[in-house]
Structure formats: C-alpha cells, structure tokens
Amino acid sequence: MAKVTKKTTKKEVDLTKKTVAELNAELITTQTDLVEAKRSHAARELVSTVRIKDLRRQVARIKTVLSHKIKEETK
C-alpha cells in the first residue's frame, strides 16, 4: 500500500520554524484580527468577506502547529 504524504504549504513551513512563544503571539494577533473583521462585517464595513475565511484558516493552522510542537516538547 502506498504511503500517503501530506503536501505542506509555504504558510505551514513558515509556522513550523517559529517557537511556541512566537506562535502564541501570532495566534493572539490573528484572533484579534478575526474579531475585528467579524465586527466590520456585522457593521457592513468589510469589503471582502474572504478575509474572515482566511483568518479562520490561519487560526486553525497556527493551533495545529502549536499542538504538534507542544507534543514534541513533552516527548
């Protein structure tokens, strides 16, 4: 059976090079940006709603890399 490999994107590679502290800081800023984008969308000020989708995915990427790094440190 063939081994399935995951294709890594440039965004993921950049995140894996960061430390846990840097990832936590980036997570906080990205979540803050997401809240602000949602507020702007509710007030009908947001021009591109794709920004919300991109920020949600970025938060998920950061959380995934962060959990992998924490698991590696505990081994």
C-alpha atoms as a PDB file:
ATOM      1  CA  MET A   1       0.000   0.000   0.000  1.00  0.00           C
ATOM      2  CA  ALA A   2       1.329   3.415  -0.946  1.00  0.00           C
ATOM      3  CA  LYS A   3       2.263   5.835   1.788  1.00  0.00           C
ATOM      4  CA  VAL A   4       0.147   8.976   1.763  1.00  0.00           C
ATOM      5  CA  THR A   5       2.175  12.122   2.218  1.00  0.00           C
ATOM      6  CA  LYS A   6       0.743  15.464   3.154  1.00  0.00           C
ATOM      7  CA  LYS A   7       1.567  18.385   0.918  1.00  0.00           C
ATOM      8  CA  THR A   8       2.897  21.234   3.038  1.00  0.00           C
ATOM      9  CA  THR A   9       2.284  24.781   2.008  1.00  0.00           C
ATOM     10  CA  LYS A  10       4.625  27.729   2.359  1.00  0.00           C
ATOM     11  CA  LYS A  11       2.461  29.083   5.183  1.00  0.00           C
ATOM     12  CA  GLU A  12       2.862  25.880   7.181  1.00  0.00           C
ATOM     13  CA  VAL A  13       6.619  25.783   6.641  1.00  0.00           C
ATOM     14  CA  ASP A  14       6.924  29.347   7.935  1.00  0.00           C
ATOM     15  CA  LEU A  15       4.912  28.444  11.033  1.00  0.00           C
ATOM     16  CA  THR A  16       6.942  25.326  11.839  1.00  0.00           C
ATOM     17  CA  LYS A  17      10.118  27.421  12.042  1.00  0.00           C
ATOM     18  CA  LYS A  18       8.674  29.573  14.850  1.00  0.00           C
ATOM     19  CA  THR A  19       8.936  28.916  18.570  1.00  0.00           C
ATOM     20  CA  VAL A  20       5.966  28.208  20.830  1.00  0.00           C
ATOM     21  CA  ALA A  21       6.087  31.743  22.238  1.00  0.00           C
ATOM     22  CA  GLU A  22       6.090  33.253  18.751  1.00  0.00           C
ATOM     23  CA  LEU A  23       3.181  31.028  17.723  1.00  0.00           C
ATOM     24  CA  ASN A  24       1.187  32.066  20.792  1.00  0.00           C
ATOM     25  CA  ALA A  25       1.795  35.735  19.994  1.00  0.00           C
ATOM     26  CA  GLU A  26       0.786  35.245  16.367  1.00  0.00           C
ATOM     27  CA  LEU A  27      -2.318  33.320  17.456  1.00  0.00           C
ATOM     28  CA  ILE A  28      -3.440  36.204  19.659  1.00  0.00           C
ATOM     29  CA  THR A  29      -2.938  38.796  16.919  1.00  0.00           C
ATOM     30  CA  THR A  30      -4.683  36.647  14.316  1.00  0.00           C
ATOM     31  CA  GLN A  31      -7.637  36.036  16.623  1.00  0.00           C
ATOM     32  CA  THR A  32      -7.841  39.770  17.307  1.00  0.00           C
ATOM     33  CA  ASP A  33      -7.842  40.458  13.564  1.00  0.00           C
ATOM     34  CA  LEU A  34     -10.606  37.865  13.137  1.00  0.00           C
ATOM     35  CA  VAL A  35     -12.785  39.512  15.775  1.00  0.00           C
ATOM     36  CA  GLU A  36     -12.229  42.893  14.145  1.00  0.00           C
ATOM     37  CA  ALA A  37     -13.107  41.505  10.705  1.00  0.00           C
ATOM     38  CA  LYS A  38     -16.301  39.955  12.080  1.00  0.00           C
ATOM     39  CA  ARG A  39     -17.219  43.274  13.703  1.00  0.00           C
ATOM     40  CA  SER A  40     -16.613  45.097  10.445  1.00  0.00           C
ATOM     41  CA  HIS A  41     -18.702  42.558   8.589  1.00  0.00           C
ATOM     42  CA  ALA A  42     -21.581  42.990  11.032  1.00  0.00           C
ATOM     43  CA  ALA A  43     -21.397  46.764  10.586  1.00  0.00           C
ATOM     44  CA  ARG A  44     -21.315  46.286   6.786  1.00  0.00           C
ATOM     45  CA  GLU A  45     -17.899  47.953   6.559  1.00  0.00           C
ATOM     46  CA  LEU A  46     -15.943  44.881   5.429  1.00  0.00           C
ATOM     47  CA  VAL A  47     -15.357  44.943   1.682  1.00  0.00           C
ATOM     48  CA  SER A  48     -14.053  41.388   1.241  1.00  0.00           C
ATOM     49  CA  THR A  49     -15.672  38.639   3.313  1.00  0.00           C
ATOM     50  CA  VAL A  50     -12.974  36.235   2.139  1.00  0.00           C
ATOM     51  CA  ARG A  51     -10.761  37.858   4.781  1.00  0.00           C
ATOM     52  CA  ILE A  52     -12.831  36.167   7.524  1.00  0.00           C
ATOM     53  CA  LYS A  53     -12.376  32.768   5.881  1.00  0.00           C
ATOM     54  CA  ASP A  54      -8.626  33.294   5.501  1.00  0.00           C
ATOM     55  CA  LEU A  55      -8.241  34.391   9.127  1.00  0.00           C
ATOM     56  CA  ARG A  56     -10.229  31.385  10.402  1.00  0.00           C
ATOM     57  CA  ARG A  57      -7.991  29.047   8.442  1.00  0.00           C
ATOM     58  CA  GLN A  58      -4.854  30.809   9.650  1.00  0.00           C
ATOM     59  CA  VAL A  59      -6.002  30.410  13.268  1.00  0.00           C
ATOM     60  CA  ALA A  60      -6.532  26.694  12.622  1.00  0.00           C
ATOM     61  CA  ARG A  61      -3.067  26.365  11.046  1.00  0.00           C
ATOM     62  CA  ILE A  62      -1.413  28.083  13.995  1.00  0.00           C
ATOM     63  CA  LYS A  63      -3.291  25.937  16.535  1.00  0.00           C
ATOM     64  CA  THR A  64      -2.340  22.754  14.672  1.00  0.00           C
ATOM     65  CA  VAL A  65       1.359  23.604  14.501  1.00  0.00           C
ATOM     66  CA  LEU A  66       1.272  24.745  18.122  1.00  0.00           C
ATOM     67  CA  SER A  67      -0.240  21.475  19.341  1.00  0.00           C
ATOM     68  CA  HIS A  68       2.346  19.471  17.354  1.00  0.00           C
ATOM     69  CA  LYS A  69       5.191  21.488  18.860  1.00  0.00           C
ATOM     70  CA  ILE A  70       3.835  21.035  22.393  1.00  0.00           C
ATOM     71  CA  LYS A  71       3.542  17.272  21.862  1.00  0.00           C
ATOM     72  CA  GLU A  72       7.127  17.141  20.575  1.00  0.00           C
ATOM     73  CA  GLU A  73       8.403  19.015  23.633  1.00  0.00           C
ATOM     74  CA  THR A  74       6.682  16.635  26.047  1.00  0.00           C
ATOM     75  CA  LYS A  75       8.248  13.541  24.439  1.00  0.00           C
END
